[in-house]
Protein backbone atom coordinates (compact mmCIF):
# COMPACT_ATOMS: atom_id res chain seq x y z
CA MET A 1 3.89 8.18 35.30
CA LYS A 2 1.43 5.66 33.85
CA LYS A 3 1.92 3.88 30.50
CA GLY A 4 -0.19 3.67 27.37
CA ILE A 5 0.07 2.27 23.85
CA ARG A 6 -0.26 4.22 20.60
CA LEU A 7 0.80 1.88 17.82
CA ASN A 8 0.29 4.14 14.82
CA PRO A 9 1.20 7.84 14.52
CA LYS A 10 -2.21 8.42 12.83
CA ASP A 11 -4.02 7.27 16.00
CA ASN A 12 -5.97 9.97 17.83
CA VAL A 13 -6.54 7.60 20.77
CA GLY A 14 -4.23 5.42 22.79
CA VAL A 15 -4.93 2.49 25.07
CA VAL A 16 -4.00 2.76 28.75
CA ILE A 17 -2.15 -0.32 29.99
CA GLN A 18 -2.52 0.59 33.66
CA ASP A 19 -5.53 1.95 35.53
CA VAL A 20 -5.25 5.73 35.44
CA ASP A 21 -6.72 8.31 37.81
CA ALA A 22 -7.83 11.76 36.65
CA GLY A 23 -4.86 14.12 36.76
CA GLU A 24 -2.23 11.45 36.16
CA ALA A 25 0.14 11.72 33.22
CA VAL A 26 0.20 8.87 30.69
CA ASP A 27 3.25 8.21 28.52
CA PHE A 28 2.31 6.89 25.07
CA GLY A 29 5.91 6.85 23.82
CA ASN A 30 7.81 9.01 21.33
CA GLY A 31 7.50 12.01 23.63
CA LEU A 32 3.69 11.93 23.75
CA VAL A 33 2.53 12.46 27.34
CA VAL A 34 -1.14 13.28 28.02
CA THR A 35 -2.77 14.14 31.35
CA ALA A 36 -5.93 12.13 32.02
CA LEU A 37 -9.12 14.14 32.51
CA ASP A 38 -11.00 11.07 33.78
CA SER A 39 -10.21 7.90 35.66
CA ILE A 40 -9.71 5.23 32.98
CA ALA A 41 -9.50 1.49 33.57
CA LEU A 42 -7.26 -0.62 31.41
CA PRO A 43 -7.58 -1.46 28.54
CA HIS A 44 -9.79 1.50 27.64
CA LYS A 45 -9.07 4.28 25.16
CA MET A 46 -7.93 7.81 25.91
CA ALA A 47 -7.91 10.71 23.46
CA VAL A 48 -4.30 11.75 22.82
CA VAL A 49 -5.36 14.83 20.83
CA ALA A 50 -8.57 16.87 20.72
CA ILE A 51 -11.23 15.16 18.58
CA LYS A 52 -14.19 17.12 17.20
CA THR A 53 -17.77 15.86 16.98
CA GLY A 54 -18.12 13.72 13.84
CA ASP A 55 -14.38 13.08 13.46
CA TYR A 56 -13.24 9.49 13.10
CA ILE A 57 -11.75 7.70 16.08
CA ILE A 58 -8.49 6.16 14.82
CA LYS A 59 -7.00 3.22 16.76
CA TYR A 60 -4.15 0.99 15.52
CA GLY A 61 -4.19 2.99 12.26
CA ASP A 62 -7.82 2.11 11.43
CA VAL A 63 -11.16 3.87 11.82
CA MET A 64 -13.05 2.24 14.68
CA GLY A 65 -15.84 4.79 15.16
CA TYR A 66 -16.67 8.46 15.21
CA ALA A 67 -16.96 11.06 17.97
CA THR A 68 -20.52 11.80 19.08
CA GLN A 69 -19.30 14.90 20.94
CA ASP A 70 -16.14 16.97 21.22
CA ILE A 71 -13.50 14.94 23.06
CA PRO A 72 -10.56 16.87 24.53
CA ALA A 73 -7.14 15.25 24.84
CA GLY A 74 -7.03 13.21 28.04
CA ARG A 75 -10.72 12.25 28.01
CA HIS A 76 -11.88 8.62 28.26
CA VAL A 77 -13.14 7.42 24.86
CA HIS A 78 -15.92 4.82 25.03
CA ASP A 79 -19.56 4.33 24.07
CA HIS A 80 -20.63 7.54 25.86
CA ASN A 81 -18.75 9.67 23.29
CA CYS A 82 -17.92 7.28 20.44
CA ASP A 83 -20.14 5.24 18.12
CA SER A 84 -19.62 2.97 15.14
CA GLU A 85 -23.23 2.46 14.01
CA LYS A 86 -22.95 4.75 10.95
CA LEU A 87 -19.88 2.83 9.80
CA MET A 88 -21.76 -0.48 9.74
CA LYS A 89 -24.59 0.73 7.46
């Protein structure tokens, strides 16, 4: 099983700390294990719960962007489905 980090229980994403292939399970601690839907290189983000379009992306307890599309648990979270432009205006 691969490892990930989720530092705050409010986080809806975690960071993989090992390269992960689609279909591999990632242990984020405290009983939270999520199966990757995509191959994800470290240190990228992975949704640990389903995130709806427009919802905030929460990492390390802080808002770091918003979802530009629905993101199921296990999906790679990056600039193809997450943006922060609205937050900077």
